Amino acid sequence: MECVGRIARARDDLESNSEPTMDHILVVDDDPNIRQLLRDYLRDMGYEASAASNGAQMKQILRQARIDLIVLDLMLDGEDGLDLTRDLRRENAVPIIMLSARGGLLDRILGLEMGADDYLPKPFDPRELVAKIKVVLRRTRAVPDAAPGAHGLHGLHGTNGRHADASAFVTFAGWRLDTRMKQMLSPDGVVVSLGGSDYRTLRTLLDHPNRPLSREYLLDQVFDKGHTPLDRSIDVCVSRLRHHLKDSARNAALIRTVRNEGYMLVAEVAYEA
């Protein structure tokens, strides 16, 4: 109930509606009060907002509408948020902010391991959620997507001299990364879809091949937020990427840990328009 009260008070504090945006947010929560209040608050803030009470409704809305970001509760009846996030990441790169009444570090790590882009414990201030929505959307759009010439990681160039931001494909160690679809094609022809944070981690490593990058630098590039010594978000992303890339024995050490320095991708990298 505390979370419901916070959302209601935040709505009362709004002086006027914000300028409308083109962003469509989907709230998935089995608490009808949180679902309605949060949807109304997001609409007050200028977003288009829809709501679902479970995974089946969420999937139906995803089939019918273009969703820019999902706010997903961890504890749902039926399929929980972790299962839904894992299933989404097999075929969809839509950003996900996970909510949970369990705010422990283990739950946060599990959410990130499944592919969530950020995590917010309940009870939360809806203004903090909106701030996270803005950050996650900005992060997602700060890397190349379908639009030619989109702005990506600032000022980075591939090893062949082509500007990384203008490249539709990046090849390395037999793999081919599709920057439009945010998918990798393995040397054996297997397609691997990447979540937003995993994709940005890989792009950052690819744009600095054969060079160790500190965890702090990767945190800044991938999550665009302050970090603490205990923040293991990047380690989780690297672990997932290593799992994807270990299909071939020659790639077992493709992303190496450099003691006291960070992580390094060891490969020749080429960019294709």
Protein backbone atom coordinates (compact mmCIF):
# COMPACT_ATOMS: atom_id res chain seq x y z
CA MET A 1 0.00 0.00 0.00
CA GLU A 2 2.92 2.33 0.58
CA CYS A 3 3.78 2.20 -3.12
CA VAL A 4 0.17 3.08 -4.04
CA GLY A 5 0.27 6.03 -1.65
CA ARG A 6 3.49 7.35 -3.13
CA ILE A 7 2.11 7.24 -6.67
CA ALA A 8 -1.13 8.95 -5.59
CA ARG A 9 0.76 11.72 -3.77
CA ALA A 10 3.03 12.25 -6.76
CA ARG A 11 -0.03 12.72 -9.00
CA ASP A 12 -1.45 15.24 -6.54
CA ASP A 13 1.82 17.18 -6.64
CA LEU A 14 1.74 17.57 -10.44
CA GLU A 15 1.07 21.19 -11.30
CA SER A 16 0.37 20.64 -14.99
CA ASN A 17 0.69 18.01 -17.68
CA SER A 18 4.08 17.57 -19.29
CA GLU A 19 4.60 17.93 -23.01
CA PRO A 20 3.45 14.73 -24.74
CA THR A 21 6.11 12.35 -26.06
CA MET A 22 6.06 9.66 -28.72
CA ASP A 23 7.09 7.02 -26.18
CA HIS A 24 4.68 4.22 -25.30
CA ILE A 25 5.24 2.60 -21.88
CA LEU A 26 3.70 -0.74 -20.90
CA VAL A 27 3.16 -1.34 -17.17
CA VAL A 28 2.89 -5.02 -16.16
CA ASP A 29 1.78 -5.47 -12.53
CA ASP A 30 -0.81 -7.73 -10.91
CA ASP A 31 -1.79 -5.08 -8.35
CA PRO A 32 -4.74 -3.24 -9.95
CA ASN A 33 -4.19 -0.09 -7.88
CA ILE A 34 -0.51 0.22 -8.80
CA ARG A 35 -1.32 -0.61 -12.41
CA GLN A 36 -3.98 2.07 -12.78
CA LEU A 37 -2.23 4.78 -10.75
CA LEU A 38 1.08 4.24 -12.53
CA ARG A 39 -0.55 4.25 -15.97
CA ASP A 40 -2.39 7.48 -15.11
CA TYR A 41 0.77 9.07 -13.70
CA LEU A 42 2.76 8.23 -16.83
CA ARG A 43 -0.01 9.72 -18.97
CA ASP A 44 0.08 12.85 -16.79
CA MET A 45 3.82 13.02 -17.50
CA GLY A 46 3.19 13.03 -21.24
CA TYR A 47 3.72 9.36 -22.11
CA GLU A 48 1.38 7.04 -23.90
CA ALA A 49 0.79 4.26 -21.38
CA SER A 50 -0.85 0.84 -21.38
CA ALA A 51 -1.20 -1.72 -18.62
CA ALA A 52 -1.31 -5.51 -18.27
CA SER A 53 -1.89 -7.72 -15.24
CA ASN A 54 0.04 -10.78 -16.42
CA GLY A 55 2.31 -12.19 -19.10
CA ALA A 56 -0.50 -13.22 -21.44
CA GLN A 57 -1.92 -9.69 -21.53
CA MET A 58 1.59 -8.26 -21.95
CA LYS A 59 2.26 -10.45 -24.99
CA GLN A 60 -1.09 -9.53 -26.53
CA ILE A 61 -0.35 -5.81 -26.20
CA LEU A 62 3.13 -6.31 -27.65
CA ARG A 63 1.56 -7.95 -30.71
CA GLN A 64 -0.91 -5.09 -31.17
CA ALA A 65 1.14 -1.97 -30.41
CA ARG A 66 4.66 -0.57 -30.65
CA ILE A 67 6.01 -0.48 -27.10
CA ASP A 68 9.12 1.58 -26.31
CA LEU A 69 9.71 0.32 -22.75
CA ILE A 70 8.20 -2.18 -20.32
CA VAL A 71 7.89 -1.59 -16.56
CA LEU A 72 7.66 -5.18 -15.34
CA ASP A 73 6.87 -6.42 -11.83
CA LEU A 74 9.01 -9.33 -10.69
CA MET A 75 6.32 -11.10 -8.67
CA LEU A 76 3.37 -11.95 -10.94
CA ASP A 77 0.79 -14.71 -10.89
CA GLY A 78 1.68 -17.42 -13.40
CA GLU A 79 4.87 -16.55 -15.25
CA ASP A 80 6.93 -14.23 -13.06
CA GLY A 81 8.93 -11.25 -14.26
CA LEU A 82 12.16 -13.21 -14.56
CA ASP A 83 10.59 -15.83 -16.84
CA LEU A 84 8.93 -13.15 -18.96
CA THR A 85 12.17 -11.19 -19.28
CA ARG A 86 14.09 -14.28 -20.34
CA ASP A 87 11.44 -15.16 -22.94
CA LEU A 88 11.32 -11.60 -24.28
CA ARG A 89 15.08 -11.49 -24.73
CA ARG A 90 14.96 -14.46 -27.10
CA GLU A 91 13.22 -12.36 -29.75
CA ASN A 92 12.77 -8.78 -28.55
CA ALA A 93 15.17 -6.02 -27.50
CA VAL A 94 12.52 -3.74 -25.93
CA PRO A 95 14.00 -2.07 -22.79
CA ILE A 96 12.77 -3.45 -19.47
CA ILE A 97 12.76 -1.83 -16.02
CA MET A 98 12.01 -4.47 -13.38
CA LEU A 99 10.07 -3.68 -10.20
CA SER A 100 10.13 -5.82 -7.08
CA ALA A 101 9.08 -5.67 -3.44
CA ARG A 102 12.20 -7.75 -2.84
CA GLY A 103 15.00 -5.21 -3.09
CA GLY A 104 17.93 -7.48 -2.31
CA LEU A 105 21.12 -7.57 -4.35
CA LEU A 106 20.44 -11.16 -5.48
CA ASP A 107 17.09 -10.20 -7.00
CA ARG A 108 18.68 -7.26 -8.81
CA ILE A 109 21.44 -9.50 -10.20
CA LEU A 110 18.91 -12.13 -11.30
CA GLY A 111 16.88 -9.48 -13.09
CA LEU A 112 19.94 -8.18 -14.91
CA GLU A 113 21.06 -11.72 -15.73
CA MET A 114 17.71 -12.39 -17.42
CA GLY A 115 18.17 -9.24 -19.53
CA ALA A 116 16.49 -6.36 -17.65
CA ASP A 117 17.99 -2.93 -18.35
CA ASP A 118 17.42 -1.51 -14.88
CA TYR A 119 15.83 -2.36 -11.53
CA LEU A 120 13.74 -0.42 -9.02
CA PRO A 121 12.72 -1.80 -5.59
CA LYS A 122 9.24 -1.25 -4.19
CA PRO A 123 8.05 1.00 -2.65
CA PHE A 124 9.34 3.60 -5.12
CA ASP A 125 8.72 7.22 -5.91
CA PRO A 126 7.14 7.41 -9.39
CA ARG A 127 9.35 10.41 -10.14
CA GLU A 128 12.37 8.12 -9.76
CA LEU A 129 10.75 5.63 -12.13
CA VAL A 130 10.21 8.36 -14.73
CA ALA A 131 13.86 9.41 -14.33
CA LYS A 132 14.93 5.80 -14.94
CA ILE A 133 12.64 5.54 -17.97
CA LYS A 134 14.27 8.62 -19.49
CA VAL A 135 17.78 7.28 -18.79
CA VAL A 136 17.07 3.79 -20.18
CA LEU A 137 15.44 5.19 -23.33
CA ARG A 138 18.35 7.58 -23.82
CA ARG A 139 20.86 4.74 -23.36
CA THR A 140 18.97 2.51 -25.78
CA ARG A 141 18.89 5.21 -28.44
CA ALA A 142 22.50 6.25 -27.93
CA VAL A 143 23.73 3.29 -29.99
CA PRO A 144 23.12 2.63 -33.71
CA ASP A 145 19.70 1.33 -34.59
CA ALA A 146 17.77 1.11 -37.82
CA ALA A 147 18.37 4.71 -38.85
CA PRO A 148 21.46 5.21 -41.04
CA GLY A 149 24.03 7.52 -39.51
CA ALA A 150 22.46 7.34 -36.04
CA HIS A 151 24.65 8.66 -33.28
CA GLY A 152 26.22 5.93 -31.19
CA LEU A 153 29.19 5.67 -28.84
CA HIS A 154 30.89 9.02 -29.00
CA GLY A 155 33.68 9.40 -31.53
CA LEU A 156 34.58 5.72 -31.83
CA HIS A 157 36.13 4.18 -34.93
CA GLY A 158 36.62 0.60 -36.03
CA THR A 159 39.99 -0.94 -36.72
CA ASN A 160 39.49 -0.58 -40.47
CA GLY A 161 38.99 3.19 -40.18
CA ARG A 162 35.22 3.17 -40.80
CA HIS A 163 33.23 5.15 -38.24
CA ALA A 164 31.50 2.68 -35.93
CA ASP A 165 28.31 4.74 -35.69
CA ALA A 166 27.55 4.37 -39.41
CA SER A 167 28.01 0.59 -39.53
CA ALA A 168 25.15 -1.84 -39.94
CA PHE A 169 27.32 -4.88 -39.16
CA VAL A 170 30.37 -5.59 -37.02
CA THR A 171 32.38 -8.78 -37.59
CA PHE A 172 34.79 -10.37 -35.13
CA ALA A 173 36.23 -13.87 -34.61
CA GLY A 174 33.74 -15.42 -37.02
CA TRP A 175 30.76 -13.65 -35.44
CA ARG A 176 28.61 -10.99 -37.13
CA LEU A 177 26.74 -8.39 -35.07
CA ASP A 178 23.67 -6.81 -36.68
CA THR A 179 23.46 -3.33 -35.13
CA ARG A 180 19.94 -2.79 -36.48
CA MET A 181 18.40 -5.91 -34.97
CA LYS A 182 20.81 -6.10 -31.99
CA GLN A 183 21.50 -9.73 -32.86
CA MET A 184 24.65 -11.80 -33.31
CA LEU A 185 25.12 -14.50 -35.93
CA SER A 186 27.47 -17.22 -34.72
CA PRO A 187 30.10 -18.91 -36.94
CA ASP A 188 27.68 -21.86 -37.12
CA GLY A 189 24.77 -19.70 -38.27
CA VAL A 190 22.93 -19.50 -34.92
CA VAL A 191 21.14 -16.19 -34.20
CA VAL A 192 21.59 -14.77 -30.67
CA SER A 193 19.40 -11.82 -29.58
CA LEU A 194 20.90 -9.39 -27.07
CA GLY A 195 19.30 -7.32 -24.35
CA GLY A 196 20.00 -3.60 -24.27
CA SER A 197 22.73 -3.60 -21.63
CA ASP A 198 24.46 -6.66 -23.14
CA TYR A 199 24.40 -5.05 -26.58
CA ARG A 200 25.91 -1.80 -25.30
CA THR A 201 28.60 -3.72 -23.39
CA LEU A 202 29.55 -5.66 -26.50
CA ARG A 203 29.55 -2.52 -28.66
CA THR A 204 31.84 -0.74 -26.24
CA LEU A 205 34.27 -3.68 -26.16
CA LEU A 206 34.14 -4.02 -29.96
CA ASP A 207 34.88 -0.33 -30.46
CA HIS A 208 38.03 -0.70 -28.31
CA PRO A 209 39.38 -4.12 -29.39
CA ASN A 210 42.56 -5.56 -27.86
CA ARG A 211 42.53 -2.85 -25.21
CA PRO A 212 41.55 -3.33 -21.54
CA LEU A 213 38.58 -1.25 -20.40
CA SER A 214 37.99 -0.61 -16.70
CA ARG A 215 34.73 -1.65 -15.07
CA GLU A 216 34.13 2.01 -14.19
CA TYR A 217 34.44 3.07 -17.84
CA LEU A 218 32.12 0.30 -18.96
CA LEU A 219 29.57 1.23 -16.28
CA ASP A 220 29.58 4.83 -17.46
CA GLN A 221 29.23 3.85 -21.13
CA VAL A 222 26.62 1.13 -20.68
CA PHE A 223 24.48 2.34 -17.79
CA ASP A 224 25.07 6.11 -17.88
CA LYS A 225 24.92 6.39 -14.10
CA GLY A 226 27.05 6.69 -11.01
CA HIS A 227 28.58 3.49 -9.75
CA THR A 228 29.66 1.99 -6.47
CA PRO A 229 32.45 -0.49 -5.70
CA LEU A 230 29.80 -3.18 -5.19
CA ASP A 231 27.99 -2.57 -8.49
CA ARG A 232 28.32 -5.85 -10.40
CA SER A 233 26.08 -4.91 -13.36
CA ILE A 234 28.93 -4.99 -15.88
CA ASP A 235 30.19 -8.33 -14.57
CA VAL A 236 26.72 -9.76 -15.15
CA CYS A 237 26.66 -8.44 -18.73
CA VAL A 238 30.14 -9.81 -19.47
CA SER A 239 29.15 -13.18 -17.99
CA ARG A 240 26.13 -13.38 -20.30
CA LEU A 241 28.20 -12.38 -23.34
CA ARG A 242 30.82 -15.01 -22.52
CA HIS A 243 28.05 -17.60 -22.30
CA HIS A 244 26.84 -16.64 -25.79
CA LEU A 245 30.33 -16.55 -27.29
CA LYS A 246 31.65 -19.82 -25.88
CA ASP A 247 29.90 -21.91 -28.55
CA SER A 248 33.20 -22.13 -30.39
CA ALA A 249 36.29 -23.38 -28.56
CA ARG A 250 38.45 -20.75 -30.23
CA ASN A 251 36.27 -18.05 -28.63
CA ALA A 252 36.51 -19.42 -25.09
CA ALA A 253 38.70 -16.48 -24.05
CA LEU A 254 37.33 -13.90 -26.46
CA ILE A 255 36.50 -11.51 -23.59
CA ARG A 256 39.38 -11.66 -21.14
CA THR A 257 39.70 -10.39 -17.61
CA VAL A 258 42.81 -8.23 -17.25
CA ARG A 259 43.88 -8.16 -13.63
CA ASN A 260 43.59 -4.72 -12.01
CA GLU A 261 42.48 -3.21 -15.33
CA GLY A 262 39.11 -4.63 -16.39
CA TYR A 263 37.90 -6.48 -19.47
CA MET A 264 39.33 -6.76 -22.98
CA LEU A 265 37.90 -8.19 -26.19
CA VAL A 266 40.66 -10.02 -28.06
CA ALA A 267 39.81 -10.09 -31.76
CA GLU A 268 40.22 -8.32 -35.06
CA VAL A 269 37.14 -6.16 -35.62
CA ALA A 270 35.74 -4.93 -38.95
CA TYR A 271 32.79 -2.61 -39.68
CA GLU A 272 30.45 -2.92 -42.66
CA ALA A 273 27.95 -0.37 -43.95
